[in-house]
């Protein structure tokens, strides 16, 4: 199973009626990263899960749109900055299909470090806006595969 972890793209400074949307730079960086993932790595997923925040939903839409076939985007709980990473870690234990999660710092870095540390990989992870990390689960252990930075 492959897991794509993506931090949302750069957002506008001001909050609109639905939250902070992606800035033009954030849309460009997110689309570029998504394009690299699909063109170079051939990555596709069965679903893209994102937090309730507008910037994450927009980033997830750009990631999904770059894939063929285009997977559904689904809003999910436990992807906010200070959420408990063990909730998604448990969900991933039962998952069989490749998926993508689009969320926020520090959650995305903490989830990747939590999964890798279980396998004895103690690298430090910091995701920049629109950055994507790919992990692979083999025999109940997670391994670092690659990173795309727009």
C-alpha atoms as a PDB file:
ATOM      1  CA  UNK A   1       0.000   0.000   0.000  1.00  0.00           C
ATOM      2  CA  UNK A   2       1.226   3.472  -0.905  1.00  0.00           C
ATOM      3  CA  UNK A   3       0.350   6.563   1.103  1.00  0.00           C
ATOM      4  CA  UNK A   4       0.745  10.083  -0.255  1.00  0.00           C
ATOM      5  CA  UNK A   5       0.939  12.791   2.398  1.00  0.00           C
ATOM      6  CA  UNK A   6       0.523  16.320   1.076  1.00  0.00           C
ATOM      7  CA  UNK A   7       0.561  19.619   2.900  1.00  0.00           C
ATOM      8  CA  UNK A   8      -1.939  22.108   1.506  1.00  0.00           C
ATOM      9  CA  UNK A   9      -0.702  24.815  -0.854  1.00  0.00           C
ATOM     10  CA  UNK A  10       0.030  28.368   0.204  1.00  0.00           C
ATOM     11  CA  UNK A  11      -3.163  30.134   1.326  1.00  0.00           C
ATOM     12  CA  UNK A  12      -4.358  33.712   1.167  1.00  0.00           C
ATOM     13  CA  UNK A  13      -3.673  35.730   4.308  1.00  0.00           C
ATOM     14  CA  UNK A  14      -7.289  36.791   4.720  1.00  0.00           C
ATOM     15  CA  UNK A  15     -10.107  34.508   5.660  1.00  0.00           C
ATOM     16  CA  UNK A  16     -13.082  34.530   3.319  1.00  0.00           C
ATOM     17  CA  UNK A  17     -16.595  33.265   3.981  1.00  0.00           C
ATOM     18  CA  UNK A  18     -15.503  29.630   3.595  1.00  0.00           C
ATOM     19  CA  UNK A  19     -12.055  29.942   5.162  1.00  0.00           C
ATOM     20  CA  UNK A  20      -8.632  30.727   3.696  1.00  0.00           C
ATOM     21  CA  UNK A  21      -8.507  29.806  -0.008  1.00  0.00           C
ATOM     22  CA  UNK A  22      -5.329  28.950  -1.865  1.00  0.00           C
ATOM     23  CA  UNK A  23      -3.369  31.886  -3.208  1.00  0.00           C
ATOM     24  CA  UNK A  24      -2.429  31.943  -6.879  1.00  0.00           C
ATOM     25  CA  UNK A  25       1.052  30.731  -5.892  1.00  0.00           C
ATOM     26  CA  UNK A  26      -0.550  27.974  -3.788  1.00  0.00           C
ATOM     27  CA  UNK A  27      -2.673  26.798  -6.728  1.00  0.00           C
ATOM     28  CA  UNK A  28       0.348  26.800  -9.055  1.00  0.00           C
ATOM     29  CA  UNK A  29       2.609  24.947  -6.595  1.00  0.00           C
ATOM     30  CA  UNK A  30      -0.063  22.363  -5.766  1.00  0.00           C
ATOM     31  CA  UNK A  31      -0.826  21.706  -9.432  1.00  0.00           C
ATOM     32  CA  UNK A  32       2.903  21.461 -10.237  1.00  0.00           C
ATOM     33  CA  UNK A  33       3.553  18.974  -7.423  1.00  0.00           C
ATOM     34  CA  UNK A  34       0.514  16.905  -8.424  1.00  0.00           C
ATOM     35  CA  UNK A  35       1.667  16.894 -12.047  1.00  0.00           C
ATOM     36  CA  UNK A  36       5.152  15.720 -11.085  1.00  0.00           C
ATOM     37  CA  UNK A  37       3.754  12.919  -8.948  1.00  0.00           C
ATOM     38  CA  UNK A  38       1.596  11.575 -11.750  1.00  0.00           C
ATOM     39  CA  UNK A  39       4.033  12.163 -14.618  1.00  0.00           C
ATOM     40  CA  UNK A  40       7.257  11.000 -13.007  1.00  0.00           C
ATOM     41  CA  UNK A  41       6.117   8.592 -10.343  1.00  0.00           C
ATOM     42  CA  UNK A  42       2.923   7.380 -11.994  1.00  0.00           C
ATOM     43  CA  UNK A  43       1.173   7.644  -8.657  1.00  0.00           C
ATOM     44  CA  UNK A  44      -2.547   7.134  -8.516  1.00  0.00           C
ATOM     45  CA  UNK A  45      -4.789   6.541  -5.511  1.00  0.00           C
ATOM     46  CA  UNK A  46      -8.273   5.221  -4.803  1.00  0.00           C
ATOM     47  CA  UNK A  47      -9.261   8.345  -2.818  1.00  0.00           C
ATOM     48  CA  UNK A  48      -7.906  11.692  -1.651  1.00  0.00           C
ATOM     49  CA  UNK A  49      -8.904  12.573   1.918  1.00  0.00           C
ATOM     50  CA  UNK A  50      -8.638  16.177   3.109  1.00  0.00           C
ATOM     51  CA  UNK A  51      -9.358  18.227   6.211  1.00  0.00           C
ATOM     52  CA  UNK A  52     -12.409  20.441   6.585  1.00  0.00           C
ATOM     53  CA  UNK A  53     -10.393  23.560   5.756  1.00  0.00           C
ATOM     54  CA  UNK A  54     -10.905  25.180   2.356  1.00  0.00           C
ATOM     55  CA  UNK A  55      -7.203  25.331   1.451  1.00  0.00           C
ATOM     56  CA  UNK A  56      -6.840  21.582   2.024  1.00  0.00           C
ATOM     57  CA  UNK A  57      -9.984  20.809  -0.013  1.00  0.00           C
ATOM     58  CA  UNK A  58      -8.717  22.933  -2.915  1.00  0.00           C
ATOM     59  CA  UNK A  59      -5.281  21.290  -2.782  1.00  0.00           C
ATOM     60  CA  UNK A  60      -6.894  17.843  -2.724  1.00  0.00           C
ATOM     61  CA  UNK A  61      -8.946  18.753  -5.785  1.00  0.00           C
ATOM     62  CA  UNK A  62      -5.815  19.745  -7.690  1.00  0.00           C
ATOM     63  CA  UNK A  63      -4.058  16.514  -6.704  1.00  0.00           C
ATOM     64  CA  UNK A  64      -7.021  14.371  -7.739  1.00  0.00           C
ATOM     65  CA  UNK A  65      -7.482  16.245 -11.032  1.00  0.00           C
ATOM     66  CA  UNK A  66      -3.904  15.405 -12.048  1.00  0.00           C
ATOM     67  CA  UNK A  67      -4.548  11.659 -11.705  1.00  0.00           C
ATOM     68  CA  UNK A  68      -6.138   9.320 -14.192  1.00  0.00           C
ATOM     69  CA  UNK A  69      -8.574   7.976 -13.368  1.00  0.00           C
ATOM     70  CA  UNK A  70      -9.481  10.882 -11.115  1.00  0.00           C
ATOM     71  CA  UNK A  71     -10.112   9.609  -7.594  1.00  0.00           C
ATOM     72  CA  UNK A  72     -12.858  11.017  -5.385  1.00  0.00           C
ATOM     73  CA  UNK A  73     -12.008  13.716  -2.842  1.00  0.00           C
ATOM     74  CA  UNK A  74     -13.455  13.089   0.582  1.00  0.00           C
ATOM     75  CA  UNK A  75     -13.558  15.380   3.587  1.00  0.00           C
ATOM     76  CA  UNK A  76     -12.258  13.619   6.682  1.00  0.00           C
ATOM     77  CA  UNK A  77     -11.829  14.208  10.359  1.00  0.00           C
ATOM     78  CA  UNK A  78      -8.485  14.036  12.172  1.00  0.00           C
ATOM     79  CA  UNK A  79      -6.399  15.914   9.583  1.00  0.00           C
ATOM     80  CA  UNK A  80      -6.196  19.280  11.380  1.00  0.00           C
ATOM     81  CA  UNK A  81      -2.912  20.705  12.699  1.00  0.00           C
ATOM     82  CA  UNK A  82      -3.144  19.419  16.274  1.00  0.00           C
ATOM     83  CA  UNK A  83      -5.172  16.240  15.741  1.00  0.00           C
ATOM     84  CA  UNK A  84      -4.133  12.866  17.143  1.00  0.00           C
ATOM     85  CA  UNK A  85      -2.036  10.997  14.562  1.00  0.00           C
ATOM     86  CA  UNK A  86      -2.849   7.613  16.067  1.00  0.00           C
ATOM     87  CA  UNK A  87      -6.394   7.819  14.655  1.00  0.00           C
ATOM     88  CA  UNK A  88      -5.140   7.830  11.048  1.00  0.00           C
ATOM     89  CA  UNK A  89      -2.350   5.387  11.909  1.00  0.00           C
ATOM     90  CA  UNK A  90      -5.039   2.912  13.019  1.00  0.00           C
ATOM     91  CA  UNK A  91      -7.128   3.551   9.914  1.00  0.00           C
ATOM     92  CA  UNK A  92      -4.102   2.920   7.725  1.00  0.00           C
ATOM     93  CA  UNK A  93      -3.483  -0.441   9.400  1.00  0.00           C
ATOM     94  CA  UNK A  94      -6.767  -1.659   7.928  1.00  0.00           C
ATOM     95  CA  UNK A  95      -6.414   0.064   4.547  1.00  0.00           C
ATOM     96  CA  UNK A  96      -5.557  -1.979   1.476  1.00  0.00           C
ATOM     97  CA  UNK A  97      -5.833   0.623  -1.302  1.00  0.00           C
ATOM     98  CA  UNK A  98      -3.369   3.404  -2.053  1.00  0.00           C
ATOM     99  CA  UNK A  99      -4.661   6.712  -0.685  1.00  0.00           C
ATOM    100  CA  UNK A 100      -3.652  10.353  -0.299  1.00  0.00           C
ATOM    101  CA  UNK A 101      -4.113  12.584   2.730  1.00  0.00           C
ATOM    102  CA  UNK A 102      -4.055  16.372   2.385  1.00  0.00           C
ATOM    103  CA  UNK A 103      -3.719  18.317   5.594  1.00  0.00           C
ATOM    104  CA  UNK A 104      -1.723  20.721   7.692  1.00  0.00           C
ATOM    105  CA  UNK A 105       1.466  21.097   9.686  1.00  0.00           C
ATOM    106  CA  UNK A 106       2.415  19.876  12.172  1.00  0.00           C
ATOM    107  CA  UNK A 107      -0.037  16.970  11.722  1.00  0.00           C
ATOM    108  CA  UNK A 108       1.305  15.735   8.367  1.00  0.00           C
ATOM    109  CA  UNK A 109       4.914  15.663   9.582  1.00  0.00           C
ATOM    110  CA  UNK A 110       3.946  14.036  12.870  1.00  0.00           C
ATOM    111  CA  UNK A 111       1.946  11.309  11.116  1.00  0.00           C
ATOM    112  CA  UNK A 112       4.804  10.485   8.755  1.00  0.00           C
ATOM    113  CA  UNK A 113       7.302  10.435  11.621  1.00  0.00           C
ATOM    114  CA  UNK A 114       4.972   8.269  13.724  1.00  0.00           C
ATOM    115  CA  UNK A 115       4.622   5.702  10.925  1.00  0.00           C
ATOM    116  CA  UNK A 116       8.342   5.678  10.104  1.00  0.00           C
ATOM    117  CA  UNK A 117       9.477   5.515  13.735  1.00  0.00           C
ATOM    118  CA  UNK A 118       7.476   2.332  14.212  1.00  0.00           C
ATOM    119  CA  UNK A 119       9.778   0.826  11.573  1.00  0.00           C
ATOM    120  CA  UNK A 120      12.940   2.230  13.186  1.00  0.00           C
ATOM    121  CA  UNK A 121      13.399   5.121  10.719  1.00  0.00           C
ATOM    122  CA  UNK A 122      14.007   8.213  12.838  1.00  0.00           C
ATOM    123  CA  UNK A 123      14.326  10.866  10.149  1.00  0.00           C
ATOM    124  CA  UNK A 124      12.887  14.287  10.880  1.00  0.00           C
ATOM    125  CA  UNK A 125      10.134  15.407   8.547  1.00  0.00           C
ATOM    126  CA  UNK A 126       9.027  18.956   7.748  1.00  0.00           C
ATOM    127  CA  UNK A 127       6.652  19.494   4.852  1.00  0.00           C
ATOM    128  CA  UNK A 128       6.648  22.780   2.972  1.00  0.00           C
ATOM    129  CA  UNK A 129       3.447  24.017   1.369  1.00  0.00           C
ATOM    130  CA  UNK A 130       2.330  21.739  -1.496  1.00  0.00           C
ATOM    131  CA  UNK A 131       5.068  19.210  -0.711  1.00  0.00           C
ATOM    132  CA  UNK A 132       4.221  15.527  -1.113  1.00  0.00           C
ATOM    133  CA  UNK A 133       5.792  12.585   0.702  1.00  0.00           C
ATOM    134  CA  UNK A 134       5.199   8.997  -0.372  1.00  0.00           C
ATOM    135  CA  UNK A 135       5.389   6.152   2.128  1.00  0.00           C
ATOM    136  CA  UNK A 136       4.929   2.449   1.406  1.00  0.00           C
ATOM    137  CA  UNK A 137       3.680  -0.188   3.793  1.00  0.00           C
ATOM    138  CA  UNK A 138       5.271  -3.601   3.453  1.00  0.00           C
ATOM    139  CA  UNK A 139       4.746  -6.432   5.922  1.00  0.00           C
ATOM    140  CA  UNK A 140       3.282  -4.075   8.535  1.00  0.00           C
ATOM    141  CA  UNK A 141       6.132  -1.605   8.302  1.00  0.00           C
ATOM    142  CA  UNK A 142       6.305   1.805   6.636  1.00  0.00           C
ATOM    143  CA  UNK A 143       9.175   2.864   4.360  1.00  0.00           C
ATOM    144  CA  UNK A 144      10.067   6.248   2.921  1.00  0.00           C
ATOM    145  CA  UNK A 145       9.796   6.164  -0.902  1.00  0.00           C
ATOM    146  CA  UNK A 146      10.155   9.686  -2.295  1.00  0.00           C
ATOM    147  CA  UNK A 147       9.363  13.373  -1.863  1.00  0.00           C
ATOM    148  CA  UNK A 148       8.140  15.963  -4.359  1.00  0.00           C
ATOM    149  CA  UNK A 149       8.781  19.619  -3.601  1.00  0.00           C
ATOM    150  CA  UNK A 150       7.310  22.109  -6.082  1.00  0.00           C
END
